[in-house]
């Protein structure tokens, strides 16, 4: 009888990952006996695959370093990767398999609002650390097993529109997906416009988060001629920027963090320069942060210098989970990991502080603004 229902899929996933990331196999091999196993499911083949790959690169770099240093009191960590293709139904299936596997101690950085919601529906037992979404509604559920390591979209929108006010901009527009993510962003945009006394001259929706049908929304916003347009888009951000710039060459463009992946910025080409983004971790090139220096060093150690914002986010989430595993020890259980996470307070990860507590699950309020400069670099 197979006591580990994910074992075969995990080995297949690592075989596939090793083609793109050849340094993973030695650091996270499943063939080294007993290990502390962490599950992660994210988009590796769909529209969010660039963000998913960057998240995973960050977390696996951190875990590879922990294993090189001897693991947790001599016990290695193993990251069991599954691909959900950015489909919430698949996320649910993958999570159910993780829940059924008693060797999985926690889940790491699901990618996307609906995907995180699907995961939250399936388990209240496994700790879910660092969901890559800032949707406020999910946080309001107060799920005791979900530990957020990034600020909310409300925090991001407030920072962006506060900067717009400082720049003496007076009118703004929002493009957002017509789904749960978008509704959260729309509410945050309206509240922040009121707070910072900006006139909301237009809002326009794309069909959903996965859709690249952006030109109708670009036309609506261009006709309103705002001084600022805020992109509440992820992988479709490049398509929107290119479509909007064909209609309007001068309006400032800001985006929330989910649109600031390295792949998205590259896809914007020359049009990326000058676009601002709210960011919930330091820029991947901001070496004044110890967190970034460690991230860069650990990524280099596994053979990559493809630094990215989502890579830092994955690295930070994994760092928080590893801290909890250290506290829980080599005999960790699902319950002891949740308890160890809850006890984290004032954890300084090198420029970003994370604190949880009884009833407190939003661990970080770090938000800054970065602008795309030469060579696609995000400069804070």
Protein backbone atom coordinates (compact mmCIF):
# COMPACT_ATOMS: atom_id res chain seq x y z
CA UNK A 1 0.00 0.00 0.00
CA UNK A 2 1.34 3.43 -0.95
CA UNK A 3 1.57 5.46 2.25
CA UNK A 4 2.50 8.62 0.32
CA UNK A 5 -0.11 9.27 -2.43
CA UNK A 6 1.88 12.23 -3.75
CA UNK A 7 5.18 10.42 -4.02
CA UNK A 8 4.98 9.49 -7.70
CA UNK A 9 3.67 12.91 -8.78
CA UNK A 10 6.32 14.63 -6.69
CA UNK A 11 9.12 12.69 -8.35
CA UNK A 12 7.67 13.42 -11.78
CA UNK A 13 7.35 17.11 -10.89
CA UNK A 14 10.94 17.29 -9.75
CA UNK A 15 12.08 15.51 -12.89
CA UNK A 16 10.28 18.12 -14.96
CA UNK A 17 11.57 20.98 -12.82
CA UNK A 18 15.13 19.75 -13.04
CA UNK A 19 15.08 20.27 -16.79
CA UNK A 20 14.59 24.00 -16.24
CA UNK A 21 16.34 24.17 -12.87
CA UNK A 22 19.17 21.60 -12.93
CA UNK A 23 20.42 22.45 -9.43
CA UNK A 24 17.20 21.41 -7.68
CA UNK A 25 17.65 17.66 -7.70
CA UNK A 26 20.64 17.43 -5.38
CA UNK A 27 19.24 19.92 -2.88
CA UNK A 28 15.73 18.53 -2.67
CA UNK A 29 15.93 14.89 -3.65
CA UNK A 30 13.15 12.65 -2.37
CA UNK A 31 15.58 9.77 -2.15
CA UNK A 32 17.39 10.77 1.03
CA UNK A 33 15.18 9.06 3.55
CA UNK A 34 13.00 10.84 6.06
CA UNK A 35 12.42 14.52 5.28
CA UNK A 36 10.26 17.41 6.40
CA UNK A 37 7.95 17.75 3.39
CA UNK A 38 6.31 20.98 2.19
CA UNK A 39 3.65 21.05 -0.51
CA UNK A 40 3.31 23.78 -3.13
CA UNK A 41 0.90 24.08 -6.03
CA UNK A 42 1.02 26.97 -8.47
CA UNK A 43 0.75 27.75 -12.17
CA UNK A 44 3.66 26.26 -14.09
CA UNK A 45 1.99 25.99 -17.52
CA UNK A 46 -0.80 28.61 -17.78
CA UNK A 47 -1.03 32.39 -17.99
CA UNK A 48 0.56 32.84 -14.56
CA UNK A 49 3.49 30.50 -15.20
CA UNK A 50 6.14 33.24 -15.11
CA UNK A 51 5.00 34.39 -11.68
CA UNK A 52 4.75 30.77 -10.53
CA UNK A 53 8.23 29.91 -11.76
CA UNK A 54 9.69 32.97 -10.03
CA UNK A 55 7.96 32.15 -6.72
CA UNK A 56 9.27 28.61 -6.88
CA UNK A 57 12.78 29.73 -7.79
CA UNK A 58 12.87 31.88 -4.66
CA UNK A 59 11.53 29.25 -2.29
CA UNK A 60 13.66 26.41 -3.65
CA UNK A 61 16.80 28.60 -3.41
CA UNK A 62 16.13 29.15 0.28
CA UNK A 63 15.36 25.48 0.94
CA UNK A 64 18.44 24.35 -1.01
CA UNK A 65 20.60 26.52 1.24
CA UNK A 66 18.96 25.16 4.40
CA UNK A 67 19.68 21.63 3.18
CA UNK A 68 23.30 22.47 2.36
CA UNK A 69 23.64 23.68 5.95
CA UNK A 70 22.25 20.43 7.38
CA UNK A 71 18.49 20.87 7.21
CA UNK A 72 16.49 21.12 10.43
CA UNK A 73 18.67 19.49 13.09
CA UNK A 74 19.97 17.09 10.48
CA UNK A 75 16.65 16.41 8.78
CA UNK A 76 16.41 17.68 5.17
CA UNK A 77 13.53 19.68 3.75
CA UNK A 78 11.69 18.53 0.65
CA UNK A 79 9.50 20.75 -1.52
CA UNK A 80 6.79 18.72 -3.28
CA UNK A 81 5.76 20.72 -6.34
CA UNK A 82 2.45 20.41 -8.23
CA UNK A 83 1.22 22.38 -11.24
CA UNK A 84 -2.36 23.70 -11.14
CA UNK A 85 -2.25 25.56 -14.47
CA UNK A 86 -3.91 28.56 -12.77
CA UNK A 87 -7.16 26.56 -12.56
CA UNK A 88 -8.83 26.76 -9.13
CA UNK A 89 -10.49 23.37 -9.62
CA UNK A 90 -7.08 21.81 -10.14
CA UNK A 91 -5.71 23.70 -7.14
CA UNK A 92 -8.46 22.10 -5.08
CA UNK A 93 -7.58 18.63 -6.35
CA UNK A 94 -3.89 19.09 -5.69
CA UNK A 95 -4.60 20.40 -2.20
CA UNK A 96 -6.85 17.45 -1.42
CA UNK A 97 -3.96 15.14 -2.37
CA UNK A 98 -1.60 17.07 -0.10
CA UNK A 99 -4.10 16.85 2.76
CA UNK A 100 -4.39 13.09 2.24
CA UNK A 101 -0.61 12.65 2.41
CA UNK A 102 0.37 12.54 6.10
CA UNK A 103 3.99 13.37 5.29
CA UNK A 104 3.08 16.89 4.09
CA UNK A 105 3.49 19.32 7.01
CA UNK A 106 2.53 22.66 5.42
CA UNK A 107 1.65 24.37 2.14
CA UNK A 108 3.62 27.20 0.59
CA UNK A 109 2.72 30.24 -1.58
CA UNK A 110 -0.35 29.32 -3.65
CA UNK A 111 -0.59 31.72 -6.59
CA UNK A 112 -3.79 33.65 -7.30
CA UNK A 113 -6.96 34.77 -5.55
CA UNK A 114 -9.31 32.01 -6.70
CA UNK A 115 -6.60 29.41 -6.31
CA UNK A 116 -5.91 30.46 -2.73
CA UNK A 117 -9.65 30.46 -2.01
CA UNK A 118 -9.90 26.91 -3.36
CA UNK A 119 -7.02 25.81 -1.14
CA UNK A 120 -8.62 27.45 1.89
CA UNK A 121 -11.86 25.56 1.24
CA UNK A 122 -10.07 22.22 1.38
CA UNK A 123 -7.96 22.46 4.53
CA UNK A 124 -8.06 24.06 7.95
CA UNK A 125 -5.38 21.70 9.27
CA UNK A 126 -2.35 22.38 7.10
CA UNK A 127 -0.61 25.72 7.52
CA UNK A 128 -0.79 27.77 4.30
CA UNK A 129 2.13 30.21 4.29
CA UNK A 130 2.53 33.19 1.98
CA UNK A 131 -0.40 33.08 -0.48
CA UNK A 132 0.57 35.25 -3.45
CA UNK A 133 -2.54 37.41 -3.43
CA UNK A 134 -3.52 40.55 -1.56
CA UNK A 135 -7.29 40.15 -1.86
CA UNK A 136 -8.86 41.65 1.25
CA UNK A 137 -11.92 39.38 1.31
CA UNK A 138 -9.82 36.25 1.80
CA UNK A 139 -8.13 37.81 4.81
CA UNK A 140 -11.44 38.73 6.38
CA UNK A 141 -12.27 35.05 6.71
CA UNK A 142 -9.69 34.94 9.56
CA UNK A 143 -8.71 31.38 8.62
CA UNK A 144 -6.51 30.26 11.53
CA UNK A 145 -4.21 28.15 9.34
CA UNK A 146 -3.45 30.82 6.69
CA UNK A 147 -0.43 33.06 7.33
CA UNK A 148 -0.08 36.07 5.02
CA UNK A 149 3.43 37.32 4.37
CA UNK A 150 2.55 40.17 1.99
CA UNK A 151 0.50 43.34 2.41
CA UNK A 152 -3.05 43.57 1.06
CA UNK A 153 -4.17 45.13 -2.21
CA UNK A 154 -5.84 47.83 -0.11
CA UNK A 155 -2.42 48.74 1.29
CA UNK A 156 -0.93 48.72 -2.20
CA UNK A 157 -3.67 50.89 -3.69
CA UNK A 158 -3.40 53.37 -0.85
CA UNK A 159 0.35 53.68 -1.39
CA UNK A 160 0.00 54.19 -5.15
CA UNK A 161 -2.74 56.80 -4.94
CA UNK A 162 -1.00 58.52 -2.05
CA UNK A 163 2.03 58.91 -4.30
CA UNK A 164 -0.23 60.20 -7.09
CA UNK A 165 -1.53 62.86 -4.73
CA UNK A 166 2.04 63.80 -3.78
CA UNK A 167 2.80 64.20 -7.49
CA UNK A 168 -0.22 66.56 -7.66
CA UNK A 169 -2.19 64.30 -9.97
CA UNK A 170 -5.90 64.89 -9.64
CA UNK A 171 -7.65 62.27 -11.78
CA UNK A 172 -7.26 58.50 -11.95
CA UNK A 173 -8.70 55.47 -13.71
CA UNK A 174 -8.58 51.76 -12.96
CA UNK A 175 -8.44 48.69 -15.19
CA UNK A 176 -9.28 45.49 -13.34
CA UNK A 177 -10.43 41.92 -14.03
CA UNK A 178 -14.12 41.13 -13.66
CA UNK A 179 -13.74 38.55 -10.90
CA UNK A 180 -13.14 38.34 -7.14
CA UNK A 181 -9.68 39.86 -7.45
CA UNK A 182 -11.02 42.74 -9.49
CA UNK A 183 -13.89 43.50 -7.13
CA UNK A 184 -11.41 43.74 -4.26
CA UNK A 185 -9.27 46.12 -6.29
CA UNK A 186 -12.24 48.24 -7.37
CA UNK A 187 -13.35 48.74 -3.76
CA UNK A 188 -9.80 49.63 -2.71
CA UNK A 189 -9.43 52.07 -5.63
CA UNK A 190 -12.65 53.89 -4.80
CA UNK A 191 -11.77 54.15 -1.11
CA UNK A 192 -8.26 55.42 -1.84
CA UNK A 193 -9.50 57.98 -4.37
CA UNK A 194 -11.81 59.38 -1.71
CA UNK A 195 -9.04 59.39 0.90
CA UNK A 196 -6.50 61.16 -1.32
CA UNK A 197 -9.03 63.44 -3.05
CA UNK A 198 -8.50 62.09 -6.56
CA UNK A 199 -11.31 62.10 -9.08
CA UNK A 200 -12.08 58.61 -10.39
CA UNK A 201 -12.85 59.43 -14.02
CA UNK A 202 -13.11 55.85 -15.33
CA UNK A 203 -13.08 52.21 -14.34
CA UNK A 204 -13.09 49.42 -16.89
CA UNK A 205 -12.92 45.65 -16.56
CA UNK A 206 -11.31 42.89 -18.57
CA UNK A 207 -13.24 39.57 -18.68
CA UNK A 208 -11.21 37.90 -15.89
CA UNK A 209 -7.72 37.52 -14.47
CA UNK A 210 -6.65 35.03 -17.13
CA UNK A 211 -7.96 37.02 -20.10
CA UNK A 212 -5.72 39.08 -22.40
CA UNK A 213 -8.75 40.77 -23.98
CA UNK A 214 -7.69 44.24 -22.83
CA UNK A 215 -8.23 46.57 -25.79
CA UNK A 216 -11.89 47.50 -24.99
CA UNK A 217 -10.83 48.52 -21.46
CA UNK A 218 -7.87 50.45 -22.85
CA UNK A 219 -10.18 52.42 -25.16
CA UNK A 220 -12.60 53.31 -22.36
CA UNK A 221 -9.80 54.61 -20.16
CA UNK A 222 -8.02 56.46 -22.96
CA UNK A 223 -11.24 58.30 -23.80
CA UNK A 224 -11.51 59.48 -20.19
CA UNK A 225 -7.95 60.91 -20.42
CA UNK A 226 -6.96 60.49 -16.75
CA UNK A 227 -3.68 61.77 -15.37
CA UNK A 228 -3.03 58.31 -13.93
CA UNK A 229 -4.20 54.82 -14.81
CA UNK A 230 -3.83 52.05 -12.26
CA UNK A 231 -3.47 48.52 -13.59
CA UNK A 232 -5.07 45.89 -11.40
CA UNK A 233 -3.80 43.19 -13.76
CA UNK A 234 -1.31 40.38 -13.51
CA UNK A 235 -0.04 38.49 -16.57
CA UNK A 236 -2.17 40.62 -18.90
CA UNK A 237 -0.37 43.83 -17.84
CA UNK A 238 1.96 43.84 -20.88
CA UNK A 239 -0.97 43.54 -23.29
CA UNK A 240 -2.74 46.43 -21.57
CA UNK A 241 0.32 48.70 -21.53
CA UNK A 242 0.93 48.13 -25.24
CA UNK A 243 -2.74 48.65 -26.12
CA UNK A 244 -3.08 51.77 -23.98
CA UNK A 245 0.12 53.37 -25.23
CA UNK A 246 -1.13 53.10 -28.80
CA UNK A 247 -4.03 55.32 -27.71
CA UNK A 248 -2.35 57.52 -25.11
CA UNK A 249 1.37 58.18 -24.92
CA UNK A 250 1.52 60.49 -21.92
CA UNK A 251 -0.70 59.33 -19.04
CA UNK A 252 1.24 57.90 -16.11
CA UNK A 253 0.76 54.18 -15.52
CA UNK A 254 0.99 52.55 -12.12
CA UNK A 255 0.40 48.87 -11.44
CA UNK A 256 -0.06 46.70 -8.39
CA UNK A 257 2.58 44.13 -7.53
CA UNK A 258 1.03 41.18 -9.37
CA UNK A 259 1.84 42.86 -12.68
CA UNK A 260 5.51 43.40 -11.88
CA UNK A 261 6.96 40.00 -12.68
CA UNK A 262 10.23 39.90 -14.57
CA UNK A 263 8.47 38.25 -17.50
CA UNK A 264 5.77 40.91 -17.67
CA UNK A 265 8.27 43.75 -17.59
CA UNK A 266 10.30 42.12 -20.36
CA UNK A 267 7.14 41.66 -22.44
CA UNK A 268 6.38 45.39 -22.20
CA UNK A 269 9.67 46.14 -23.93
CA UNK A 270 10.52 49.84 -24.20
CA UNK A 271 7.01 50.71 -22.98
CA UNK A 272 7.90 49.45 -19.50
CA UNK A 273 10.25 52.32 -18.76
CA UNK A 274 8.67 54.78 -16.34
CA UNK A 275 5.84 52.45 -15.27
CA UNK A 276 5.51 52.42 -11.48
CA UNK A 277 4.50 49.46 -9.35
CA UNK A 278 3.56 49.00 -5.74
CA UNK A 279 5.75 46.23 -4.35
CA UNK A 280 5.24 44.13 -1.23
CA UNK A 281 8.85 42.96 -0.92
CA UNK A 282 12.01 44.89 -1.73
CA UNK A 283 13.11 45.16 -5.34
CA UNK A 284 15.22 42.13 -6.33
CA UNK A 285 18.15 44.46 -7.07
CA UNK A 286 17.89 46.58 -3.87
CA UNK A 287 21.06 45.34 -2.21
CA UNK A 288 20.69 47.70 0.73
CA UNK A 289 18.31 45.02 2.06
CA UNK A 290 19.98 42.03 3.68
CA UNK A 291 17.00 39.94 2.52
CA UNK A 292 17.84 40.75 -1.11
CA UNK A 293 21.54 40.04 -0.68
CA UNK A 294 20.77 36.62 0.80
CA UNK A 295 18.22 35.92 -1.94
CA UNK A 296 20.71 36.78 -4.67
CA UNK A 297 23.45 34.66 -3.08
CA UNK A 298 21.19 31.64 -2.63
CA UNK A 299 19.82 31.92 -6.17
CA UNK A 300 23.36 32.07 -7.55
CA UNK A 301 24.20 28.97 -5.52
CA UNK A 302 21.64 26.98 -7.53
CA UNK A 303 22.86 28.36 -10.82
CA UNK A 304 20.61 31.33 -11.58
CA UNK A 305 20.90 35.12 -11.65
CA UNK A 306 17.37 35.70 -12.93
CA UNK A 307 16.41 37.96 -10.04
CA UNK A 308 12.72 38.81 -9.79
CA UNK A 309 10.17 40.42 -7.51
CA UNK A 310 8.18 37.20 -7.21
CA UNK A 311 11.41 35.37 -6.48
CA UNK A 312 11.97 37.58 -3.44
CA UNK A 313 8.35 36.98 -2.41
CA UNK A 314 8.77 33.20 -2.61
CA UNK A 315 12.09 33.42 -0.76
CA UNK A 316 10.49 35.46 2.04
CA UNK A 317 7.52 33.10 2.41
CA UNK A 318 9.85 30.10 2.56
CA UNK A 319 12.02 31.89 5.12
CA UNK A 320 9.01 32.34 7.40
CA UNK A 321 8.01 28.69 7.07
CA UNK A 322 11.56 27.50 7.70
CA UNK A 323 11.69 29.60 10.86
CA UNK A 324 8.53 27.83 12.06
CA UNK A 325 9.95 24.41 11.17
CA UNK A 326 13.11 25.19 13.15
CA UNK A 327 10.97 26.04 16.16
CA UNK A 328 8.82 22.92 15.72
CA UNK A 329 11.95 20.74 15.35
CA UNK A 330 12.61 17.52 13.42
CA UNK A 331 9.56 15.88 15.01
CA UNK A 332 7.22 18.57 13.64
CA UNK A 333 3.53 17.86 13.13
CA UNK A 334 0.95 19.85 11.24
CA UNK A 335 -0.40 21.24 14.49
CA UNK A 336 3.04 22.16 15.86
CA UNK A 337 3.89 24.02 12.64
CA UNK A 338 0.72 26.11 12.95
CA UNK A 339 1.55 26.82 16.58
CA UNK A 340 5.14 27.75 15.74
CA UNK A 341 3.96 30.16 13.04
CA UNK A 342 1.51 31.79 15.43
CA UNK A 343 4.36 32.40 17.88
CA UNK A 344 6.51 34.29 15.35
CA UNK A 345 6.77 37.92 16.45
CA UNK A 346 9.08 40.68 15.29
CA UNK A 347 10.98 38.39 12.92
CA UNK A 348 13.44 40.56 10.98
CA UNK A 349 14.18 38.92 7.65
CA UNK A 350 16.68 41.54 6.58
CA UNK A 351 14.63 44.69 6.10
CA UNK A 352 11.15 43.17 6.21
CA UNK A 353 9.60 42.36 9.59
CA UNK A 354 7.00 39.63 10.05
CA UNK A 355 4.79 39.23 13.12
CA UNK A 356 1.89 36.90 13.80
CA UNK A 357 0.10 36.11 17.04
CA UNK A 358 -3.11 34.73 18.47
CA UNK A 359 -5.77 35.77 15.98
CA UNK A 360 -3.22 37.76 13.92
CA UNK A 361 -2.44 36.28 10.52
CA UNK A 362 -1.38 39.29 8.41
CA UNK A 363 2.32 39.26 9.12
CA UNK A 364 3.76 42.03 6.93
CA UNK A 365 2.74 45.57 6.05
CA UNK A 366 5.74 46.29 3.83
CA UNK A 367 4.70 48.34 0.78
CA UNK A 368 6.91 50.50 -1.37
CA UNK A 369 6.84 51.87 -4.91
CA UNK A 370 9.36 51.01 -7.60
CA UNK A 371 9.72 52.40 -11.11
CA UNK A 372 10.95 50.47 -14.14
CA UNK A 373 14.22 52.00 -15.30
CA UNK A 374 16.91 51.08 -17.80
CA UNK A 375 17.24 47.39 -18.66
CA UNK A 376 13.88 46.69 -17.01
CA UNK A 377 15.20 47.14 -13.47
CA UNK A 378 12.78 48.03 -10.69
CA UNK A 379 14.24 50.97 -8.81
CA UNK A 380 12.90 51.91 -5.40
